[in-house]
N, C-alpha and C. Protein backbone atom coordinates (compact mmCIF):
# COMPACT_ATOMS: atom_id res chain seq x y z
N MET A 1 149.50 241.12 216.57
CA MET A 1 150.47 240.65 215.84
C MET A 1 150.71 239.09 216.09
N SER A 2 151.16 238.52 215.00
CA SER A 2 151.40 237.00 214.85
C SER A 2 152.76 236.91 215.47
N GLN A 3 153.03 235.78 216.25
CA GLN A 3 154.43 235.46 216.67
C GLN A 3 155.26 234.91 215.94
N ALA A 4 154.66 234.33 214.63
CA ALA A 4 155.46 233.61 213.52
C ALA A 4 156.36 234.80 213.19
N LYS A 5 156.22 236.03 212.87
CA LYS A 5 156.95 237.03 212.58
C LYS A 5 158.39 237.17 213.47
N ASN A 6 158.19 236.78 214.55
CA ASN A 6 159.44 236.98 215.46
C ASN A 6 160.25 235.76 215.37
N VAL A 7 160.01 234.61 214.77
CA VAL A 7 160.52 233.67 214.80
C VAL A 7 161.98 233.82 213.78
N ILE A 8 162.92 233.46 214.51
CA ILE A 8 164.19 233.39 213.80
C ILE A 8 165.06 232.18 214.32
N THR A 9 165.91 231.82 213.41
CA THR A 9 166.60 230.56 213.36
C THR A 9 168.05 230.88 214.28
N ARG A 10 168.51 229.80 214.76
CA ARG A 10 169.74 229.84 215.31
C ARG A 10 170.85 230.47 214.14
N LYS A 11 170.43 229.67 212.85
CA LYS A 11 171.63 230.17 211.80
C LYS A 11 171.22 231.71 211.45
N GLN A 12 170.34 232.15 211.37
CA GLN A 12 169.87 233.57 211.26
C GLN A 12 170.72 234.38 212.23
N ILE A 13 170.45 234.12 213.61
CA ILE A 13 171.26 234.74 214.50
C ILE A 13 172.72 234.60 214.33
N LEU A 14 173.23 233.63 214.11
CA LEU A 14 174.62 233.49 213.67
C LEU A 14 175.04 234.25 212.64
N GLY A 15 174.28 234.33 211.48
CA GLY A 15 174.60 235.03 210.24
C GLY A 15 174.42 236.75 210.48
N ALA A 16 173.35 236.99 211.01
CA ALA A 16 173.21 238.32 211.33
C ALA A 16 174.21 239.10 212.21
N ARG A 17 174.79 238.32 213.29
CA ARG A 17 175.75 238.59 214.20
C ARG A 17 177.04 238.73 213.36
N ALA A 18 177.22 237.86 212.46
CA ALA A 18 178.59 237.88 211.65
C ALA A 18 178.47 239.13 210.63
N LEU A 19 177.42 239.40 210.13
CA LEU A 19 177.33 240.59 209.20
C LEU A 19 177.49 241.85 209.82
N LEU A 20 177.09 241.86 211.11
CA LEU A 20 177.15 242.96 211.93
C LEU A 20 178.80 243.10 212.63
N GLU A 21 179.37 241.95 212.57
CA GLU A 21 180.68 242.04 213.07
C GLU A 21 180.41 242.47 214.65
N ILE A 22 179.60 241.66 215.39
CA ILE A 22 179.55 241.98 216.81
C ILE A 22 179.70 240.78 217.53
N THR A 23 180.33 240.70 218.67
CA THR A 23 180.49 239.60 219.59
C THR A 23 179.27 239.10 220.45
N GLN A 24 179.25 237.86 220.75
CA GLN A 24 178.30 237.55 221.74
C GLN A 24 178.00 238.32 222.91
N ASP A 25 178.98 238.64 223.45
CA ASP A 25 178.81 239.61 224.64
C ASP A 25 178.24 240.87 224.25
N GLU A 26 178.52 241.52 223.07
CA GLU A 26 177.79 242.83 222.77
C GLU A 26 176.31 242.71 222.52
N LEU A 27 176.12 241.57 221.71
CA LEU A 27 174.52 241.42 221.53
C LEU A 27 173.93 240.78 222.53
N ALA A 28 174.49 240.19 223.40
CA ALA A 28 173.96 239.58 224.79
C ALA A 28 173.48 240.98 225.54
N ALA A 29 174.38 241.98 225.88
CA ALA A 29 174.30 243.04 226.58
C ALA A 29 173.27 243.83 225.84
N ALA A 30 173.09 243.97 224.60
CA ALA A 30 171.95 245.01 223.85
C ALA A 30 170.77 244.42 224.18
N VAL A 31 170.51 243.07 224.43
CA VAL A 31 169.24 242.68 224.48
C VAL A 31 169.01 242.32 225.89
N GLY A 32 169.88 242.35 226.84
CA GLY A 32 169.62 241.89 228.27
C GLY A 32 169.62 240.59 228.71
N MET A 33 170.74 239.96 228.01
CA MET A 33 170.60 238.40 228.28
C MET A 33 171.99 238.20 228.67
N SER A 34 172.29 236.79 229.23
CA SER A 34 173.75 236.50 229.49
C SER A 34 174.20 235.99 228.05
N ASP A 35 175.83 236.12 228.14
CA ASP A 35 176.32 235.93 227.05
C ASP A 35 176.34 234.18 226.88
N ARG A 36 176.17 233.55 228.24
CA ARG A 36 176.22 232.11 228.17
C ARG A 36 174.85 231.53 227.55
N ALA A 37 173.83 232.30 227.86
CA ALA A 37 172.28 231.99 227.30
C ALA A 37 172.26 232.21 225.53
N LEU A 38 173.22 233.12 225.18
CA LEU A 38 173.19 233.32 223.71
C LEU A 38 174.10 232.35 223.28
N TYR A 39 175.08 231.99 223.73
CA TYR A 39 175.95 230.98 223.32
C TYR A 39 175.05 229.55 223.25
N MET A 40 174.24 229.27 224.26
CA MET A 40 173.43 227.97 224.16
C MET A 40 172.65 227.99 222.93
N ILE A 41 171.91 229.30 222.84
CA ILE A 41 170.91 229.16 221.59
C ILE A 41 171.79 229.03 220.24
N GLU A 42 172.81 229.76 220.15
CA GLU A 42 173.34 229.78 218.77
C GLU A 42 174.12 228.31 218.59
N THR A 43 174.46 227.50 219.62
CA THR A 43 174.90 226.10 219.52
C THR A 43 173.61 225.10 219.62
N GLY A 44 172.55 225.59 219.63
CA GLY A 44 171.37 224.61 219.58
C GLY A 44 171.29 223.78 220.93
N ASN A 45 171.68 224.23 221.89
CA ASN A 45 171.65 223.76 222.98
C ASN A 45 170.64 224.14 224.05
N ALA A 46 169.90 224.96 223.54
CA ALA A 46 168.79 225.57 224.50
C ALA A 46 167.59 226.26 223.30
N GLN A 47 166.37 226.35 224.02
CA GLN A 47 165.30 226.60 223.16
C GLN A 47 164.77 227.80 223.71
N PRO A 48 164.88 229.02 223.09
CA PRO A 48 164.79 230.21 223.42
C PRO A 48 163.11 230.28 223.57
N ARG A 49 162.95 231.39 224.43
CA ARG A 49 161.56 231.75 224.35
C ARG A 49 161.05 232.86 223.10
N GLN A 50 159.80 232.76 222.72
CA GLN A 50 159.38 233.62 221.81
C GLN A 50 159.80 235.15 222.14
N ARG A 51 159.77 235.57 223.29
CA ARG A 51 160.03 236.94 223.92
C ARG A 51 161.37 237.26 223.41
N THR A 52 162.49 236.21 223.78
CA THR A 52 163.76 236.31 223.68
C THR A 52 164.13 236.42 222.17
N LEU A 53 163.52 235.75 221.25
CA LEU A 53 163.62 235.81 219.83
C LEU A 53 163.25 237.07 219.26
N ALA A 54 162.08 237.51 219.94
CA ALA A 54 161.68 238.91 219.56
C ALA A 54 162.73 240.02 219.95
N LYS A 55 163.33 239.90 221.03
CA LYS A 55 163.99 240.98 221.28
C LYS A 55 165.41 240.97 220.48
N LEU A 56 165.88 239.64 220.20
CA LEU A 56 167.04 239.66 219.29
C LEU A 56 166.62 240.19 217.81
N ARG A 57 165.52 239.65 217.55
CA ARG A 57 165.22 240.24 216.11
C ARG A 57 164.97 241.71 215.91
N ALA A 58 164.32 242.44 216.85
CA ALA A 58 164.42 243.77 216.93
C ALA A 58 165.53 244.45 217.04
N GLU A 59 166.43 243.97 217.91
CA GLU A 59 167.86 244.56 217.98
C GLU A 59 168.65 244.20 216.51
N PHE A 60 168.44 243.26 215.87
CA PHE A 60 169.24 243.13 214.75
C PHE A 60 168.65 244.03 213.58
N GLU A 61 167.23 244.18 213.64
CA GLU A 61 166.70 245.23 212.71
C GLU A 61 167.17 246.35 213.00
N ARG A 62 166.98 246.98 214.28
CA ARG A 62 167.43 248.34 214.66
C ARG A 62 168.91 248.30 214.12
N ARG A 63 169.72 247.43 214.08
CA ARG A 63 171.19 247.51 213.55
C ARG A 63 171.34 247.39 212.05
N GLY A 64 169.95 247.17 211.38
CA GLY A 64 170.16 247.22 209.85
C GLY A 64 170.16 245.88 209.12
N ILE A 65 169.80 244.80 209.89
CA ILE A 65 169.46 243.34 209.30
C ILE A 65 168.17 243.46 209.13
N GLU A 66 168.08 242.84 207.70
CA GLU A 66 166.90 242.41 207.52
C GLU A 66 166.62 240.69 207.17
N PHE A 67 165.30 240.17 207.56
CA PHE A 67 165.28 238.83 207.65
C PHE A 67 164.58 238.58 206.33
N ILE A 68 164.93 237.52 205.60
CA ILE A 68 164.39 237.32 204.15
C ILE A 68 164.11 235.58 204.04
N ASN A 69 162.99 235.43 203.55
CA ASN A 69 162.41 234.22 203.05
C ASN A 69 162.41 233.14 204.12
N GLY A 70 162.28 233.59 205.52
CA GLY A 70 162.29 232.92 206.58
C GLY A 70 163.39 232.11 206.84
N THR A 71 164.61 232.22 206.23
CA THR A 71 165.76 231.47 206.39
C THR A 71 167.11 232.27 206.34
N GLY A 72 166.81 233.29 205.80
CA GLY A 72 168.18 234.10 205.50
C GLY A 72 168.31 235.41 206.11
N VAL A 73 169.24 236.19 206.07
CA VAL A 73 169.52 237.38 206.82
C VAL A 73 170.47 238.34 205.54
N LYS A 74 170.42 239.75 205.53
CA LYS A 74 171.03 240.63 204.80
C LYS A 74 171.17 241.82 205.43
N LEU A 75 172.16 242.58 205.05
CA LEU A 75 172.06 244.00 205.51
C LEU A 75 171.26 244.92 204.61
N LYS A 76 170.55 245.69 205.19
CA LYS A 76 169.75 246.69 204.32
C LYS A 76 170.66 247.49 203.75
N THR A 77 170.11 247.87 202.62
CA THR A 77 171.15 248.94 201.57
C THR A 77 170.22 250.28 201.95
N ALA A 78 171.27 251.13 201.92
CA ALA A 78 170.45 252.67 202.05
C ALA A 78 169.51 252.97 200.96
N ALA A 79 169.70 252.47 199.83
CA ALA A 79 168.62 252.45 198.81
C ALA A 79 167.35 252.00 199.29
N ALA A 80 167.43 250.55 199.73
CA ALA A 80 166.30 250.07 200.39
C ALA A 80 165.43 250.68 201.33
N GLU A 81 166.43 251.49 202.13
CA GLU A 81 165.75 251.87 203.44
C GLU A 81 165.20 253.42 202.96
N HIS A 82 165.66 254.08 201.89
CA HIS A 82 164.68 255.11 201.51
C HIS A 82 164.01 255.01 200.27
N GLU A 83 163.76 253.78 199.80
CA GLU A 83 162.91 253.34 198.77
C GLU A 83 161.70 253.97 198.96
N GLY A 84 161.03 254.65 198.08
CA GLY A 84 159.72 255.21 198.28
C GLY A 84 159.76 256.61 199.07
N ALA A 85 160.73 257.05 199.55
CA ALA A 85 160.82 258.20 200.23
C ALA A 85 160.49 259.50 199.23
N ALA A 86 161.02 259.30 198.20
CA ALA A 86 160.66 260.42 196.99
C ALA A 86 159.32 260.64 196.60
N ASP A 87 158.54 259.27 196.96
CA ASP A 87 157.14 259.38 196.26
C ASP A 87 156.22 260.03 196.98
C-alpha cells in the first residue's frame, strides 16, 4: 500500500472534525494520542508521523468522512455508501 493514500492535511483534520462535531479530546482518545499532540498537529506546530496520519484518517473514515481531491473532506451520503449494492 502506498503511504501517499494516508497523507491528510491539518486543514482536512480540522474540517473533518468540524463536520463530525467532535472535540479534540474525543478524536485524540479514539486514536490513542494526547489532546495536546492533536492540538499541535492542527495548529501546524508539529509534523505528525505517517502512522499517526493513517490512524486519524482511518478513524475519520470509520465515522463517515470521505477525503476528496487530496485537499477536501465531506460526509459520505447514505446513497453513496450503498451505491452498487443492488447490482
